[in-house]
């Protein structure tokens, strides 16, 4: 069976950067502002765009294909994980223009949704399955959202645990290009909290959901917390994620949230953005990839959905043509 590799993650942020303290929602709620900008949460800047989401997607996709060394016309399938395409037939035109601009002339495009910020990780898992069983050789996963569309313009999201930013991220899931092996994937859905449900009960439900997700992941591909080098999650406040993930053994330094202050919560794109930055930093510093824990976890968290992708931390080289 083919080993699927996650290759060349890349991203494009909204072209404008503003301090979160200038958001009307936080100006009107000093208590929320203090909570989200405190060191325990870490939000400082958010990004926004006045363009279309496919413009951000195209820039990220071109970067991924160039770094992976795979021509666009060799990509079989494009999976779009987004809630920001138009709700009418113009979405077909926008996606066709995206494919044309990025040279994806032979690719079939499809969208995934309904899982909020977990959708992109479900797309990576789906892409890996298609590559693994031979249905596709190269699948491009494209995530991206604009808050004006995905959240109805709201910037304070996730129950007040994050500040939404505009961005897109991409990665190639390939049978042959150099990349990190995709070892497993799990997802979990739980009912959305009922209006007025006590905060303590909501917290307990979220902790239980994360526990169930990681139980499923370990059942499908046995992995222990000490084998995981880092969890690259949705960019929520660190103190919130520490509660969720420490319960399953993934707190502390292995929780990679260094980007929260710089970029905010880029909705479903966060895990791929965090992975792209981690790989770039490792390359720049010459970090030794062969030592220590040899797994990475990408974690996408939506309102009532969670999805995790387990990766090998040691990249596989490109396979020779033919």
Foldseek 3Di string as FASTA:
>chain_A
DFWKFKAQKFKFFAPDKDFPCPDPVCVVPVVLVCVCCPPQFNATIAHAHPDAFLVRQLVQLLRQCVRQVHQLCQFAEEEEEEQRADPDPVSVVSVVVSSVSRVNVNYDYDYDYPQWLQGQLVVVQVLRVCCVVVVTFKYKYKYWYGCVGRVVVDQQDPVSFWGEHGMMMMIMTGRFTKHWTFDFKFKDFDDFDDPPDDPVVVLVVLLVRLVVRVVVGCVVPNDALQLAQAEQEFSTGLVSVQSNCVVRPHHDPRYDNPCCHPHIGRINCRQSVSVNVVVVVCVVVVPDQPDGRFKYKYWTHDSGMIMIIITGSDIDHGDDDD
